[in-house]
Amino acid sequence: MPRYLSMIRIDENNSPEGGPSPELMQRMGELIEEMTKAGVLLDTGGLTPTAQGTRVHYEGGRLSVTDGPFTESKEVIGGYAMLQAKDKAEAVEWTKRFLKVHEPHWTVTCEVREVVEG
């Protein structure tokens, strides 16, 4: 069965102050439990802010290392979910359900991509 990476994109500059509400965390926990029991969710996690990150860039045979924050980034990966689904449509449906647990004041985008095997 194929695996899919759902990358959760957020705008760090416009995220709700204080982060997710306790109610959102409860709904998310319930969905994560359902996805785990269904055998769809393989792994999930949130990421620290870009201020705590480092970019390593390779170009023209040279490496450069830049510490965050990365102000030129409008959207950043704030988390991820590794899904195992029968097809992309199923992975997208689970991702839609994840987005729907958020309150209306959130702006979140998920990019779903199949993991290349082999």
N, C-alpha and C. Protein backbone atom coordinates (compact mmCIF):
# COMPACT_ATOMS: atom_id res chain seq x y z
N MET A 1 0.84 -1.17 0.00
CA MET A 1 0.00 0.00 0.00
C MET A 1 0.90 1.24 0.00
N PRO A 2 0.61 2.23 -0.83
CA PRO A 2 1.48 3.41 -0.92
C PRO A 2 1.43 4.28 0.35
N ARG A 3 2.52 5.00 0.54
CA ARG A 3 2.61 5.95 1.65
C ARG A 3 2.57 7.36 1.09
N TYR A 4 2.01 8.26 1.89
CA TYR A 4 1.87 9.66 1.49
C TYR A 4 2.33 10.54 2.64
N LEU A 5 3.03 11.62 2.28
CA LEU A 5 3.44 12.60 3.27
C LEU A 5 2.52 13.81 3.14
N SER A 6 1.85 14.13 4.22
CA SER A 6 1.01 15.33 4.26
C SER A 6 1.80 16.37 5.04
N MET A 7 2.28 17.40 4.33
CA MET A 7 3.07 18.46 4.94
C MET A 7 2.14 19.60 5.30
N ILE A 8 2.16 19.98 6.56
CA ILE A 8 1.26 20.98 7.09
C ILE A 8 1.94 22.34 6.99
N ARG A 9 1.41 23.20 6.14
CA ARG A 9 1.99 24.52 5.91
C ARG A 9 1.23 25.57 6.69
N ILE A 10 1.97 26.43 7.38
CA ILE A 10 1.38 27.52 8.13
C ILE A 10 2.16 28.80 7.84
N ASP A 11 1.54 29.92 8.11
CA ASP A 11 2.22 31.22 8.07
C ASP A 11 2.54 31.56 9.52
N GLU A 12 3.81 31.42 9.89
CA GLU A 12 4.21 31.65 11.29
C GLU A 12 3.84 33.05 11.77
N ASN A 13 3.83 34.01 10.86
CA ASN A 13 3.55 35.40 11.26
C ASN A 13 2.07 35.65 11.52
N ASN A 14 1.20 34.76 11.06
CA ASN A 14 -0.24 34.96 11.23
C ASN A 14 -0.92 33.80 11.93
N SER A 15 -0.17 32.99 12.65
CA SER A 15 -0.76 31.89 13.40
C SER A 15 -1.42 32.45 14.65
N PRO A 16 -2.50 31.82 15.10
CA PRO A 16 -3.17 32.31 16.32
C PRO A 16 -2.22 32.36 17.51
N GLU A 17 -2.29 33.46 18.24
CA GLU A 17 -1.44 33.63 19.41
C GLU A 17 -1.76 32.56 20.44
N GLY A 18 -0.75 31.99 21.01
CA GLY A 18 -0.95 30.94 22.01
C GLY A 18 -1.05 29.55 21.40
N GLY A 19 -1.05 29.46 20.07
CA GLY A 19 -1.10 28.16 19.41
C GLY A 19 -2.47 27.52 19.46
N PRO A 20 -2.52 26.22 19.30
CA PRO A 20 -3.79 25.51 19.27
C PRO A 20 -4.53 25.56 20.61
N SER A 21 -5.84 25.69 20.54
CA SER A 21 -6.67 25.70 21.76
C SER A 21 -6.74 24.28 22.33
N PRO A 22 -7.08 24.16 23.60
CA PRO A 22 -7.27 22.82 24.18
C PRO A 22 -8.34 22.01 23.43
N GLU A 23 -9.38 22.68 22.96
CA GLU A 23 -10.43 21.99 22.21
C GLU A 23 -9.91 21.45 20.88
N LEU A 24 -9.08 22.25 20.20
CA LEU A 24 -8.48 21.79 18.96
C LEU A 24 -7.57 20.59 19.22
N MET A 25 -6.79 20.67 20.27
CA MET A 25 -5.89 19.56 20.60
C MET A 25 -6.68 18.29 20.91
N GLN A 26 -7.84 18.44 21.56
CA GLN A 26 -8.67 17.27 21.86
C GLN A 26 -9.22 16.67 20.57
N ARG A 27 -9.75 17.52 19.68
CA ARG A 27 -10.29 17.02 18.39
C ARG A 27 -9.18 16.36 17.57
N MET A 28 -8.01 16.98 17.58
CA MET A 28 -6.89 16.42 16.83
C MET A 28 -6.48 15.07 17.41
N GLY A 29 -6.44 14.98 18.73
CA GLY A 29 -6.10 13.72 19.38
C GLY A 29 -7.09 12.62 19.04
N GLU A 30 -8.37 12.96 18.99
CA GLU A 30 -9.40 11.97 18.64
C GLU A 30 -9.23 11.50 17.20
N LEU A 31 -8.94 12.42 16.29
CA LEU A 31 -8.74 12.05 14.89
C LEU A 31 -7.48 11.21 14.74
N ILE A 32 -6.42 11.58 15.42
CA ILE A 32 -5.17 10.81 15.36
C ILE A 32 -5.41 9.39 15.86
N GLU A 33 -6.18 9.25 16.93
CA GLU A 33 -6.50 7.91 17.45
C GLU A 33 -7.29 7.10 16.41
N GLU A 34 -8.27 7.75 15.78
CA GLU A 34 -9.06 7.07 14.76
C GLU A 34 -8.19 6.64 13.57
N MET A 35 -7.31 7.53 13.13
CA MET A 35 -6.44 7.22 12.00
C MET A 35 -5.46 6.10 12.34
N THR A 36 -4.97 6.10 13.57
CA THR A 36 -4.04 5.06 14.01
C THR A 36 -4.75 3.70 14.04
N LYS A 37 -5.96 3.67 14.60
CA LYS A 37 -6.73 2.42 14.66
C LYS A 37 -7.08 1.91 13.27
N ALA A 38 -7.29 2.82 12.32
CA ALA A 38 -7.61 2.43 10.95
C ALA A 38 -6.37 1.97 10.18
N GLY A 39 -5.19 2.13 10.78
CA GLY A 39 -3.96 1.72 10.12
C GLY A 39 -3.47 2.69 9.06
N VAL A 40 -4.01 3.90 9.07
CA VAL A 40 -3.66 4.90 8.06
C VAL A 40 -2.49 5.76 8.52
N LEU A 41 -2.48 6.14 9.79
CA LEU A 41 -1.46 7.05 10.30
C LEU A 41 -0.24 6.27 10.76
N LEU A 42 0.89 6.51 10.11
CA LEU A 42 2.14 5.85 10.47
C LEU A 42 2.97 6.69 11.44
N ASP A 43 2.91 8.02 11.27
CA ASP A 43 3.69 8.92 12.12
C ASP A 43 3.15 10.33 11.93
N THR A 44 3.29 11.15 12.94
CA THR A 44 2.90 12.54 12.86
C THR A 44 3.72 13.36 13.83
N GLY A 45 3.85 14.63 13.56
CA GLY A 45 4.59 15.48 14.49
C GLY A 45 4.53 16.94 14.08
N GLY A 46 4.69 17.79 15.06
CA GLY A 46 4.80 19.22 14.82
C GLY A 46 6.27 19.61 14.81
N LEU A 47 6.56 20.72 14.20
CA LEU A 47 7.94 21.20 14.10
C LEU A 47 8.11 22.49 14.88
N THR A 48 9.31 22.72 15.40
CA THR A 48 9.60 23.96 16.10
C THR A 48 9.57 25.12 15.11
N PRO A 49 9.41 26.35 15.60
CA PRO A 49 9.41 27.52 14.71
C PRO A 49 10.72 27.65 13.93
N THR A 50 10.65 28.35 12.80
CA THR A 50 11.85 28.52 11.98
C THR A 50 12.96 29.25 12.72
N ALA A 51 12.62 30.03 13.73
CA ALA A 51 13.64 30.73 14.52
C ALA A 51 14.60 29.73 15.17
N GLN A 52 14.14 28.50 15.35
CA GLN A 52 14.98 27.48 15.96
C GLN A 52 15.57 26.52 14.93
N GLY A 53 15.37 26.82 13.64
CA GLY A 53 15.84 25.93 12.58
C GLY A 53 17.11 26.42 11.93
N THR A 54 17.67 25.57 11.10
CA THR A 54 18.87 25.87 10.32
C THR A 54 18.67 25.35 8.91
N ARG A 55 19.05 26.13 7.93
CA ARG A 55 19.02 25.70 6.53
C ARG A 55 20.43 25.41 6.07
N VAL A 56 20.58 24.29 5.40
CA VAL A 56 21.86 23.93 4.80
C VAL A 56 21.63 23.90 3.30
N HIS A 57 22.36 24.72 2.56
CA HIS A 57 22.15 24.90 1.13
C HIS A 57 23.41 24.45 0.38
N TYR A 58 23.20 23.78 -0.75
CA TYR A 58 24.31 23.33 -1.59
C TYR A 58 24.10 23.89 -2.98
N GLU A 59 25.10 24.60 -3.48
CA GLU A 59 25.03 25.17 -4.83
C GLU A 59 26.44 25.37 -5.35
N GLY A 60 26.67 24.95 -6.59
CA GLY A 60 27.97 25.16 -7.22
C GLY A 60 29.12 24.52 -6.47
N GLY A 61 28.86 23.41 -5.80
CA GLY A 61 29.91 22.73 -5.07
C GLY A 61 30.21 23.31 -3.70
N ARG A 62 29.41 24.29 -3.27
CA ARG A 62 29.66 24.94 -1.97
C ARG A 62 28.45 24.78 -1.06
N LEU A 63 28.73 24.64 0.21
CA LEU A 63 27.70 24.56 1.23
C LEU A 63 27.60 25.88 1.97
N SER A 64 26.38 26.25 2.33
CA SER A 64 26.19 27.39 3.22
C SER A 64 25.18 26.98 4.29
N VAL A 65 25.35 27.53 5.46
CA VAL A 65 24.48 27.22 6.59
C VAL A 65 23.92 28.53 7.12
N THR A 66 22.58 28.59 7.25
CA THR A 66 21.91 29.79 7.72
C THR A 66 20.98 29.43 8.87
N ASP A 67 21.14 30.13 9.98
CA ASP A 67 20.24 29.92 11.11
C ASP A 67 18.97 30.75 10.92
N GLY A 68 17.85 30.21 11.45
CA GLY A 68 16.57 30.91 11.38
C GLY A 68 16.54 32.08 12.33
N PRO A 69 15.51 32.90 12.27
CA PRO A 69 14.29 32.69 11.47
C PRO A 69 14.50 33.06 10.01
N PHE A 70 13.64 32.54 9.17
CA PHE A 70 13.74 32.76 7.74
C PHE A 70 12.61 33.69 7.33
N THR A 71 12.89 34.98 7.38
CA THR A 71 11.85 35.99 7.16
C THR A 71 11.31 35.99 5.75
N GLU A 72 12.08 35.48 4.79
CA GLU A 72 11.61 35.48 3.41
C GLU A 72 10.56 34.39 3.16
N SER A 73 10.35 33.52 4.13
CA SER A 73 9.39 32.43 3.96
C SER A 73 8.02 32.88 4.44
N LYS A 74 7.06 32.90 3.51
CA LYS A 74 5.70 33.24 3.91
C LYS A 74 5.04 32.04 4.57
N GLU A 75 5.16 30.88 3.96
CA GLU A 75 4.61 29.66 4.53
C GLU A 75 5.75 28.71 4.85
N VAL A 76 5.62 28.04 5.98
CA VAL A 76 6.65 27.08 6.38
C VAL A 76 5.96 25.77 6.76
N ILE A 77 6.73 24.70 6.77
CA ILE A 77 6.21 23.41 7.21
C ILE A 77 6.15 23.45 8.73
N GLY A 78 4.94 23.35 9.27
CA GLY A 78 4.74 23.40 10.71
C GLY A 78 4.58 22.02 11.32
N GLY A 79 4.39 21.02 10.47
CA GLY A 79 4.21 19.66 10.95
C GLY A 79 4.02 18.73 9.77
N TYR A 80 3.80 17.46 10.08
CA TYR A 80 3.65 16.48 9.01
C TYR A 80 2.85 15.29 9.52
N ALA A 81 2.34 14.53 8.58
CA ALA A 81 1.71 13.24 8.88
C ALA A 81 2.13 12.28 7.78
N MET A 82 2.59 11.10 8.18
CA MET A 82 2.93 10.05 7.23
C MET A 82 1.74 9.09 7.22
N LEU A 83 1.11 8.99 6.05
CA LEU A 83 -0.09 8.17 5.90
C LEU A 83 0.18 6.98 5.01
N GLN A 84 -0.54 5.90 5.27
CA GLN A 84 -0.53 4.74 4.38
C GLN A 84 -1.98 4.54 3.95
N ALA A 85 -2.22 4.72 2.67
CA ALA A 85 -3.59 4.69 2.16
C ALA A 85 -3.63 3.88 0.88
N LYS A 86 -4.85 3.46 0.50
CA LYS A 86 -4.98 2.65 -0.72
C LYS A 86 -4.65 3.46 -1.96
N ASP A 87 -4.89 4.78 -1.90
CA ASP A 87 -4.58 5.65 -3.04
C ASP A 87 -4.52 7.10 -2.56
N LYS A 88 -4.17 7.99 -3.48
CA LYS A 88 -4.03 9.41 -3.14
C LYS A 88 -5.35 10.01 -2.69
N ALA A 89 -6.45 9.58 -3.30
CA ALA A 89 -7.77 10.12 -2.94
C ALA A 89 -8.06 9.86 -1.46
N GLU A 90 -7.73 8.66 -0.98
CA GLU A 90 -7.97 8.36 0.44
C GLU A 90 -7.07 9.21 1.33
N ALA A 91 -5.81 9.39 0.95
CA ALA A 91 -4.89 10.22 1.72
C ALA A 91 -5.40 11.67 1.78
N VAL A 92 -5.94 12.16 0.68
CA VAL A 92 -6.49 13.52 0.63
C VAL A 92 -7.72 13.62 1.54
N GLU A 93 -8.57 12.61 1.55
CA GLU A 93 -9.76 12.63 2.41
C GLU A 93 -9.37 12.71 3.89
N TRP A 94 -8.40 11.92 4.30
CA TRP A 94 -7.94 11.99 5.69
C TRP A 94 -7.35 13.36 5.99
N THR A 95 -6.63 13.94 5.04
CA THR A 95 -6.04 15.27 5.22
C THR A 95 -7.14 16.32 5.36
N LYS A 96 -8.20 16.21 4.57
CA LYS A 96 -9.33 17.14 4.70
C LYS A 96 -9.93 17.06 6.10
N ARG A 97 -10.07 15.85 6.61
CA ARG A 97 -10.62 15.68 7.96
C ARG A 97 -9.73 16.35 9.00
N PHE A 98 -8.41 16.23 8.81
CA PHE A 98 -7.47 16.89 9.71
C PHE A 98 -7.67 18.40 9.68
N LEU A 99 -7.79 18.97 8.49
CA LEU A 99 -7.96 20.42 8.38
C LEU A 99 -9.27 20.87 9.01
N LYS A 100 -10.31 20.08 8.89
CA LYS A 100 -11.63 20.46 9.40
C LYS A 100 -11.71 20.49 10.92
N VAL A 101 -10.76 19.90 11.64
CA VAL A 101 -10.81 19.98 13.11
C VAL A 101 -10.36 21.35 13.60
N HIS A 102 -9.74 22.15 12.74
CA HIS A 102 -9.28 23.48 13.12
C HIS A 102 -10.45 24.48 13.19
N GLU A 103 -10.29 25.47 14.06
CA GLU A 103 -11.26 26.55 14.16
C GLU A 103 -11.16 27.44 12.91
N PRO A 104 -12.22 28.21 12.62
CA PRO A 104 -12.23 29.05 11.41
C PRO A 104 -11.13 30.11 11.35
N HIS A 105 -10.57 30.52 12.50
CA HIS A 105 -9.54 31.57 12.47
C HIS A 105 -8.17 31.04 12.07
N TRP A 106 -8.03 29.73 11.88
CA TRP A 106 -6.77 29.15 11.41
C TRP A 106 -6.70 29.21 9.90
N THR A 107 -5.50 29.42 9.37
CA THR A 107 -5.23 29.27 7.95
C THR A 107 -4.14 28.22 7.83
N VAL A 108 -4.51 27.06 7.32
CA VAL A 108 -3.60 25.92 7.23
C VAL A 108 -3.74 25.29 5.86
N THR A 109 -2.63 24.93 5.25
CA THR A 109 -2.62 24.23 3.97
C THR A 109 -1.81 22.96 4.15
N CYS A 110 -2.32 21.87 3.59
CA CYS A 110 -1.56 20.62 3.60
C CYS A 110 -1.23 20.25 2.16
N GLU A 111 -0.01 19.89 1.95
CA GLU A 111 0.43 19.37 0.65
C GLU A 111 0.62 17.87 0.80
N VAL A 112 -0.11 17.10 -0.01
CA VAL A 112 -0.07 15.64 0.06
C VAL A 112 0.72 15.13 -1.12
N ARG A 113 1.78 14.35 -0.83
CA ARG A 113 2.62 13.80 -1.90
C ARG A 113 2.95 12.35 -1.61
N GLU A 114 2.93 11.54 -2.66
CA GLU A 114 3.26 10.12 -2.51
C GLU A 114 4.76 9.95 -2.29
N VAL A 115 5.10 9.03 -1.41
CA VAL A 115 6.49 8.71 -1.13
C VAL A 115 6.97 7.73 -2.20
N VAL A 116 8.07 8.02 -2.85
CA VAL A 116 8.63 7.15 -3.87
C VAL A 116 9.29 5.96 -3.17
N GLU A 117 8.87 4.78 -3.51
CA GLU A 117 9.43 3.57 -2.91
C GLU A 117 10.57 3.03 -3.76
N GLY A 118 11.54 2.43 -3.07
CA GLY A 118 12.60 1.75 -3.80
C GLY A 118 13.80 2.52 -4.05
